[in-house]
Each structure stands twice: as C-alpha cells, then as structure tokens.
C-alpha cells in the first residue's frame, strides 16, 4: 500500500469520525497532468460540521501518519474547505457549494469510489 492510499484511508476515517456524508474518492493516479493522485470529496451539514471534519482529518493524519497538510483554504467561511496533502486533496463542502462546483464531474476519466454513509 502506498503512502497516498494509506492517506486516503486515514482521511476517510477522519471524515467519518465527524459524520461527514457522501464521501467520494476520485482516483486521478492514471490521468496525465492531474494536480494530485486522489481527490476526496465529502460534505457536512453546517459550517460548524465542515470545520470539525477539517480538524478531524488534520489531527488524524498527524497522529496516525505523521503527515501535515501543505495548505488549508476556506476555514472561516466553511462553505468549502480544501486541504492539500500534495498527493491527496480533500474537499469538504456544504451541500449547496458541492452541487454548484460539482467536482466529481470535473475529471470524467477518473474512477469514482462512493463510500457508504455511516450512521
């Protein structure tokens, strides 16, 4: 298992710990010129939940893997928070912003893996 795939698993766990919904893993590893190997897209139902998911992802990646993001954008408005781990980009949306940007459709050649919601 590569570091990137371990990171995907850890990030997914961090999202699920804060009840993030509708997680989609976008595999860009076979697409030339892609800006990362993976996108992970999810949503939270409120600005508070979006921020909590972002914190959970950052904390778990630091604790379990010793990985820190090179950048975090969007904290404060919490409509869309992007966390950059170089090979893995995490996008945490509120539902309206997610529908508007529709990142899942941006990379039509990518393999999409939908993770079932955890109750």
Protein backbone atom coordinates (compact mmCIF):
# COMPACT_ATOMS: atom_id res chain seq x y z
CA UNK A 1 0.00 0.00 0.00
CA UNK A 2 1.41 3.39 -0.98
CA UNK A 3 1.58 6.40 1.32
CA UNK A 4 -1.11 8.06 -0.81
CA UNK A 5 -3.53 5.13 -0.40
CA UNK A 6 -2.84 4.99 3.36
CA UNK A 7 -3.53 8.71 3.49
CA UNK A 8 -6.84 8.19 1.65
CA UNK A 9 -7.87 5.60 4.27
CA UNK A 10 -6.84 7.83 7.18
CA UNK A 11 -8.63 10.87 5.72
CA UNK A 12 -11.78 8.81 5.13
CA UNK A 13 -11.69 7.68 8.77
CA UNK A 14 -11.29 11.30 9.92
CA UNK A 15 -14.30 12.35 7.85
CA UNK A 16 -16.41 9.50 9.20
CA UNK A 17 -15.48 10.32 12.82
CA UNK A 18 -17.30 13.65 12.40
CA UNK A 19 -20.21 12.14 10.44
CA UNK A 20 -19.18 13.60 7.10
CA UNK A 21 -21.59 12.47 4.39
CA UNK A 22 -21.48 11.29 0.77
CA UNK A 23 -17.73 10.62 0.62
CA UNK A 24 -16.40 10.14 -2.91
CA UNK A 25 -12.80 9.14 -3.65
CA UNK A 26 -11.68 10.32 -7.09
CA UNK A 27 -8.70 8.31 -8.37
CA UNK A 28 -6.63 10.57 -10.63
CA UNK A 29 -3.46 8.47 -10.47
CA UNK A 30 -3.67 7.36 -14.12
CA UNK A 31 -4.51 10.79 -15.55
CA UNK A 32 -1.57 12.71 -17.03
CA UNK A 33 -1.28 16.24 -15.71
CA UNK A 34 -3.65 15.75 -12.78
CA UNK A 35 -2.85 18.03 -9.85
CA UNK A 36 -2.97 15.16 -7.33
CA UNK A 37 -3.27 11.38 -7.22
CA UNK A 38 -6.60 11.50 -5.35
CA UNK A 39 -9.41 13.89 -4.52
CA UNK A 40 -11.58 13.08 -1.55
CA UNK A 41 -14.89 14.93 -1.60
CA UNK A 42 -17.44 14.98 1.21
CA UNK A 43 -19.94 17.26 2.85
CA UNK A 44 -21.05 18.50 6.22
CA UNK A 45 -24.47 19.88 7.02
CA UNK A 46 -23.34 23.13 8.65
CA UNK A 47 -20.31 25.46 8.80
CA UNK A 48 -19.52 24.03 12.25
CA UNK A 49 -19.54 20.46 10.93
CA UNK A 50 -17.39 21.37 7.91
CA UNK A 51 -14.80 22.86 10.28
CA UNK A 52 -14.99 19.86 12.63
CA UNK A 53 -14.40 17.46 9.71
CA UNK A 54 -11.38 19.52 8.58
CA UNK A 55 -9.92 19.46 12.10
CA UNK A 56 -10.54 15.73 12.44
CA UNK A 57 -8.79 14.99 9.14
CA UNK A 58 -5.78 17.13 10.06
CA UNK A 59 -5.50 15.68 13.57
CA UNK A 60 -5.80 12.05 12.46
CA UNK A 61 -3.26 12.42 9.63
CA UNK A 62 -0.77 13.99 12.03
CA UNK A 63 -1.37 11.43 14.78
CA UNK A 64 -1.58 8.24 12.69
CA UNK A 65 0.77 9.02 9.80
CA UNK A 66 2.94 11.98 10.80
CA UNK A 67 1.54 13.86 7.77
CA UNK A 68 0.65 17.55 7.80
CA UNK A 69 -1.12 19.41 5.01
CA UNK A 70 0.91 21.85 2.93
CA UNK A 71 -2.13 24.12 2.77
CA UNK A 72 -5.64 24.61 4.09
CA UNK A 73 -8.03 27.04 2.41
CA UNK A 74 -11.57 28.09 3.27
CA UNK A 75 -11.52 27.88 7.06
CA UNK A 76 -13.56 30.75 8.43
CA UNK A 77 -16.29 30.76 5.80
CA UNK A 78 -16.67 26.95 5.95
CA UNK A 79 -18.72 26.64 2.73
CA UNK A 80 -15.83 24.77 1.13
CA UNK A 81 -12.61 23.81 2.90
CA UNK A 82 -9.76 22.42 0.79
CA UNK A 83 -6.91 20.55 2.47
CA UNK A 84 -3.78 19.89 0.38
CA UNK A 85 -1.65 16.86 1.25
CA UNK A 86 0.16 17.13 -2.16
CA UNK A 87 -0.83 13.65 -3.46
CA UNK A 88 -4.30 13.86 -1.89
CA UNK A 89 -6.62 16.88 -1.99
CA UNK A 90 -9.54 16.89 0.43
CA UNK A 91 -12.65 18.94 -0.36
CA UNK A 92 -15.21 19.41 2.42
CA UNK A 93 -18.35 21.18 1.26
CA UNK A 94 -21.71 22.30 2.47
CA UNK A 95 -24.30 20.67 0.17
CA UNK A 96 -25.14 23.79 -1.89
CA UNK A 97 -21.49 24.57 -2.67
CA UNK A 98 -20.83 20.93 -3.53
CA UNK A 99 -23.67 20.88 -6.06
CA UNK A 100 -22.51 24.19 -7.54
CA UNK A 101 -18.86 23.16 -8.08
CA UNK A 102 -19.66 19.52 -8.94
CA UNK A 103 -16.02 18.37 -8.67
CA UNK A 104 -16.96 14.72 -9.18
CA UNK A 105 -17.80 15.53 -12.82
CA UNK A 106 -14.68 17.63 -13.42
CA UNK A 107 -12.46 14.60 -14.06
CA UNK A 108 -14.68 12.42 -16.23
CA UNK A 109 -11.90 9.86 -16.87
CA UNK A 110 -11.33 9.28 -13.16
CA UNK A 111 -12.54 6.26 -11.25
CA UNK A 112 -15.06 7.27 -8.56
CA UNK A 113 -15.48 5.26 -5.37
CA UNK A 114 -18.51 6.15 -3.23
CA UNK A 115 -18.18 5.34 0.46
CA UNK A 116 -21.46 4.42 2.21
CA UNK A 117 -22.59 6.87 4.88
CA UNK A 118 -22.07 5.76 8.47
CA UNK A 119 -24.99 6.33 10.86
